[in-house]
């Protein structure tokens, strides 16, 4: 109970500059972009 008031209010969100999608900070976006670069191939790429 000592630190019950020190919780995070909302998860930090970021907007991907290339696609405009919202995603969690330090995670890749659903389309496979991270910091403006394509890092993971997705099914839509094939």
PDB file of N, CA and C in Angstrom:
ATOM      1  N   UNK A   1       0.813  -1.196   0.000  1.00  0.00           N
ATOM      2  CA  UNK A   1       0.000   0.000   0.000  1.00  0.00           C
ATOM      3  C   UNK A   1       0.863   1.270   0.000  1.00  0.00           C
ATOM      4  N   UNK A   2       2.149   1.130   0.265  1.00  0.00           N
ATOM      5  CA  UNK A   2       3.009   2.303   0.371  1.00  0.00           C
ATOM      6  C   UNK A   2       3.131   3.028  -0.966  1.00  0.00           C
ATOM      7  N   UNK A   3       3.219   2.280  -2.087  1.00  0.00           N
ATOM      8  CA  UNK A   3       3.403   2.915  -3.393  1.00  0.00           C
ATOM      9  C   UNK A   3       2.191   2.708  -4.303  1.00  0.00           C
ATOM     10  N   UNK A   4       1.034   2.639  -3.744  1.00  0.00           N
ATOM     11  CA  UNK A   4      -0.164   2.374  -4.527  1.00  0.00           C
ATOM     12  C   UNK A   4      -0.508   3.524  -5.474  1.00  0.00           C
ATOM     13  N   UNK A   5      -0.032   4.704  -5.224  1.00  0.00           N
ATOM     14  CA  UNK A   5      -0.360   5.857  -6.061  1.00  0.00           C
ATOM     15  C   UNK A   5       0.635   6.052  -7.202  1.00  0.00           C
ATOM     16  N   UNK A   6       1.681   5.243  -7.302  1.00  0.00           N
ATOM     17  CA  UNK A   6       2.704   5.437  -8.327  1.00  0.00           C
ATOM     18  C   UNK A   6       2.504   4.525  -9.527  1.00  0.00           C
ATOM     19  N   UNK A   7       1.331   4.466 -10.043  1.00  0.00           N
ATOM     20  CA  UNK A   7       1.062   3.615 -11.204  1.00  0.00           C
ATOM     21  C   UNK A   7       1.117   4.448 -12.479  1.00  0.00           C
ATOM     22  N   UNK A   8       1.277   3.771 -13.619  1.00  0.00           N
ATOM     23  CA  UNK A   8       1.261   4.463 -14.904  1.00  0.00           C
ATOM     24  C   UNK A   8      -0.181   4.726 -15.303  1.00  0.00           C
ATOM     25  N   UNK A   9      -0.445   5.903 -15.795  1.00  0.00           N
ATOM     26  CA  UNK A   9      -1.822   6.269 -16.119  1.00  0.00           C
ATOM     27  C   UNK A   9      -2.286   5.611 -17.420  1.00  0.00           C
ATOM     28  N   UNK A  10      -1.510   5.701 -18.467  1.00  0.00           N
ATOM     29  CA  UNK A  10      -1.875   5.123 -19.760  1.00  0.00           C
ATOM     30  C   UNK A  10      -0.607   4.637 -20.442  1.00  0.00           C
ATOM     31  N   UNK A  11      -0.692   3.612 -21.291  1.00  0.00           N
ATOM     32  CA  UNK A  11       0.515   3.162 -21.974  1.00  0.00           C
ATOM     33  C   UNK A  11       1.015   4.231 -22.941  1.00  0.00           C
ATOM     34  N   UNK A  12       2.323   4.438 -23.003  1.00  0.00           N
ATOM     35  CA  UNK A  12       2.856   5.460 -23.901  1.00  0.00           C
ATOM     36  C   UNK A  12       2.700   5.033 -25.360  1.00  0.00           C
ATOM     37  N   UNK A  13       2.066   5.862 -26.153  1.00  0.00           N
ATOM     38  CA  UNK A  13       1.824   5.550 -27.558  1.00  0.00           C
ATOM     39  C   UNK A  13       2.685   6.435 -28.452  1.00  0.00           C
ATOM     40  N   UNK A  14       3.007   5.903 -29.620  1.00  0.00           N
ATOM     41  CA  UNK A  14       3.772   6.649 -30.611  1.00  0.00           C
ATOM     42  C   UNK A  14       3.059   6.554 -31.948  1.00  0.00           C
ATOM     43  N   UNK A  15       3.308   7.517 -32.815  1.00  0.00           N
ATOM     44  CA  UNK A  15       2.737   7.514 -34.158  1.00  0.00           C
ATOM     45  C   UNK A  15       3.862   7.239 -35.140  1.00  0.00           C
ATOM     46  N   UNK A  16       3.684   6.224 -35.967  1.00  0.00           N
ATOM     47  CA  UNK A  16       4.689   5.869 -36.977  1.00  0.00           C
ATOM     48  C   UNK A  16       4.719   6.948 -38.047  1.00  0.00           C
ATOM     49  N   UNK A  17       5.901   7.527 -38.342  1.00  0.00           N
ATOM     50  CA  UNK A  17       5.944   8.637 -39.294  1.00  0.00           C
ATOM     51  C   UNK A  17       5.618   8.242 -40.733  1.00  0.00           C
ATOM     52  N   UNK A  18       5.900   7.007 -41.139  1.00  0.00           N
ATOM     53  CA  UNK A  18       5.658   6.632 -42.532  1.00  0.00           C
ATOM     54  C   UNK A  18       4.219   6.231 -42.787  1.00  0.00           C
ATOM     55  N   UNK A  19       3.599   5.509 -41.847  1.00  0.00           N
ATOM     56  CA  UNK A  19       2.247   5.019 -42.076  1.00  0.00           C
ATOM     57  C   UNK A  19       1.186   5.775 -41.293  1.00  0.00           C
ATOM     58  N   UNK A  20       1.587   6.484 -40.226  1.00  0.00           N
ATOM     59  CA  UNK A  20       0.629   7.215 -39.417  1.00  0.00           C
ATOM     60  C   UNK A  20      -0.106   6.344 -38.415  1.00  0.00           C
ATOM     61  N   UNK A  21       0.337   5.102 -38.232  1.00  0.00           N
ATOM     62  CA  UNK A  21      -0.316   4.202 -37.283  1.00  0.00           C
ATOM     63  C   UNK A  21       0.138   4.485 -35.856  1.00  0.00           C
ATOM     64  N   UNK A  22      -0.726   4.186 -34.913  1.00  0.00           N
ATOM     65  CA  UNK A  22      -0.384   4.309 -33.506  1.00  0.00           C
ATOM     66  C   UNK A  22       0.055   2.948 -32.988  1.00  0.00           C
ATOM     67  N   UNK A  23       1.125   2.935 -32.215  1.00  0.00           N
ATOM     68  CA  UNK A  23       1.616   1.690 -31.638  1.00  0.00           C
ATOM     69  C   UNK A  23       2.308   1.998 -30.318  1.00  0.00           C
ATOM     70  N   UNK A  24       2.624   0.969 -29.547  1.00  0.00           N
ATOM     71  CA  UNK A  24       3.333   1.165 -28.300  1.00  0.00           C
ATOM     72  C   UNK A  24       4.756   1.639 -28.582  1.00  0.00           C
ATOM     73  N   UNK A  25       5.287   2.460 -27.691  1.00  0.00           N
ATOM     74  CA  UNK A  25       6.662   2.942 -27.848  1.00  0.00           C
ATOM     75  C   UNK A  25       7.620   1.760 -27.795  1.00  0.00           C
ATOM     76  N   UNK A  26       8.675   1.791 -28.582  1.00  0.00           N
ATOM     77  CA  UNK A  26       9.726   0.781 -28.636  1.00  0.00           C
ATOM     78  C   UNK A  26       9.213  -0.573 -29.131  1.00  0.00           C
ATOM     79  N   UNK A  27       8.115  -0.577 -29.855  1.00  0.00           N
ATOM     80  CA  UNK A  27       7.573  -1.783 -30.485  1.00  0.00           C
ATOM     81  C   UNK A  27       7.361  -1.485 -31.969  1.00  0.00           C
ATOM     82  N   UNK A  28       7.300  -2.525 -32.774  1.00  0.00           N
ATOM     83  CA  UNK A  28       7.050  -2.297 -34.193  1.00  0.00           C
ATOM     84  C   UNK A  28       5.568  -2.062 -34.409  1.00  0.00           C
ATOM     85  N   UNK A  29       5.244  -1.381 -35.492  1.00  0.00           N
ATOM     86  CA  UNK A  29       3.841  -1.127 -35.824  1.00  0.00           C
ATOM     87  C   UNK A  29       3.243  -2.384 -36.460  1.00  0.00           C
ATOM     88  N   UNK A  30       1.923  -2.471 -36.565  1.00  0.00           N
ATOM     89  CA  UNK A  30       1.299  -3.664 -37.162  1.00  0.00           C
ATOM     90  C   UNK A  30       1.737  -3.933 -38.601  1.00  0.00           C
ATOM     91  N   UNK A  31       2.192  -2.912 -39.331  1.00  0.00           N
ATOM     92  CA  UNK A  31       2.650  -3.124 -40.700  1.00  0.00           C
ATOM     93  C   UNK A  31       4.129  -3.490 -40.784  1.00  0.00           C
ATOM     94  N   UNK A  32       4.825  -3.601 -39.648  1.00  0.00           N
ATOM     95  CA  UNK A  32       6.220  -4.015 -39.640  1.00  0.00           C
ATOM     96  C   UNK A  32       7.225  -2.887 -39.694  1.00  0.00           C
ATOM     97  N   UNK A  33       6.821  -1.654 -39.389  1.00  0.00           N
ATOM     98  CA  UNK A  33       7.724  -0.511 -39.418  1.00  0.00           C
ATOM     99  C   UNK A  33       8.222  -0.197 -38.018  1.00  0.00           C
ATOM    100  N   UNK A  34       9.480   0.233 -37.928  1.00  0.00           N
ATOM    101  CA  UNK A  34      10.041   0.713 -36.673  1.00  0.00           C
ATOM    102  C   UNK A  34      10.916   1.925 -36.987  1.00  0.00           C
ATOM    103  N   UNK A  35      10.586   3.062 -36.419  1.00  0.00           N
ATOM    104  CA  UNK A  35      11.291   4.327 -36.628  1.00  0.00           C
ATOM    105  C   UNK A  35      11.429   4.684 -38.100  1.00  0.00           C
ATOM    106  N   UNK A  36      10.382   4.454 -38.877  1.00  0.00           N
ATOM    107  CA  UNK A  36      10.359   4.870 -40.268  1.00  0.00           C
ATOM    108  C   UNK A  36      10.944   3.874 -41.248  1.00  0.00           C
ATOM    109  N   UNK A  37      11.462   2.738 -40.773  1.00  0.00           N
ATOM    110  CA  UNK A  37      12.046   1.725 -41.658  1.00  0.00           C
ATOM    111  C   UNK A  37      11.266   0.438 -41.560  1.00  0.00           C
ATOM    112  N   UNK A  38      11.190  -0.287 -42.659  1.00  0.00           N
ATOM    113  CA  UNK A  38      10.526  -1.592 -42.696  1.00  0.00           C
ATOM    114  C   UNK A  38      11.491  -2.619 -42.119  1.00  0.00           C
ATOM    115  N   UNK A  39      11.113  -3.277 -41.003  1.00  0.00           N
ATOM    116  CA  UNK A  39      12.026  -4.211 -40.349  1.00  0.00           C
ATOM    117  C   UNK A  39      11.514  -5.652 -40.380  1.00  0.00           C
ATOM    118  N   UNK A  40      10.222  -5.846 -40.627  1.00  0.00           N
ATOM    119  CA  UNK A  40       9.642  -7.183 -40.622  1.00  0.00           C
ATOM    120  C   UNK A  40       8.766  -7.336 -41.857  1.00  0.00           C
ATOM    121  N   UNK A  41       8.919  -8.459 -42.555  1.00  0.00           N
ATOM    122  CA  UNK A  41       8.032  -8.735 -43.682  1.00  0.00           C
ATOM    123  C   UNK A  41       6.664  -9.160 -43.171  1.00  0.00           C
ATOM    124  N   UNK A  42       5.620  -8.641 -43.788  1.00  0.00           N
ATOM    125  CA  UNK A  42       4.262  -9.020 -43.415  1.00  0.00           C
ATOM    126  C   UNK A  42       3.608  -9.746 -44.573  1.00  0.00           C
ATOM    127  N   UNK A  43       2.430 -10.296 -44.333  1.00  0.00           N
ATOM    128  CA  UNK A  43       1.723 -11.034 -45.391  1.00  0.00           C
ATOM    129  C   UNK A  43       1.329 -10.133 -46.544  1.00  0.00           C
ATOM    130  N   UNK A  44       1.089  -8.868 -46.276  1.00  0.00           N
ATOM    131  CA  UNK A  44       0.694  -7.953 -47.344  1.00  0.00           C
ATOM    132  C   UNK A  44       1.855  -7.605 -48.266  1.00  0.00           C
ATOM    133  N   UNK A  45       3.097  -7.856 -47.847  1.00  0.00           N
ATOM    134  CA  UNK A  45       4.260  -7.572 -48.687  1.00  0.00           C
ATOM    135  C   UNK A  45       4.447  -8.607 -49.791  1.00  0.00           C
ATOM    136  N   UNK A  46       3.983  -9.796 -49.583  1.00  0.00           N
ATOM    137  CA  UNK A  46       4.235 -10.876 -50.531  1.00  0.00           C
ATOM    138  C   UNK A  46       3.308 -10.884 -51.709  1.00  0.00           C
TER     139      UNK A  46
END
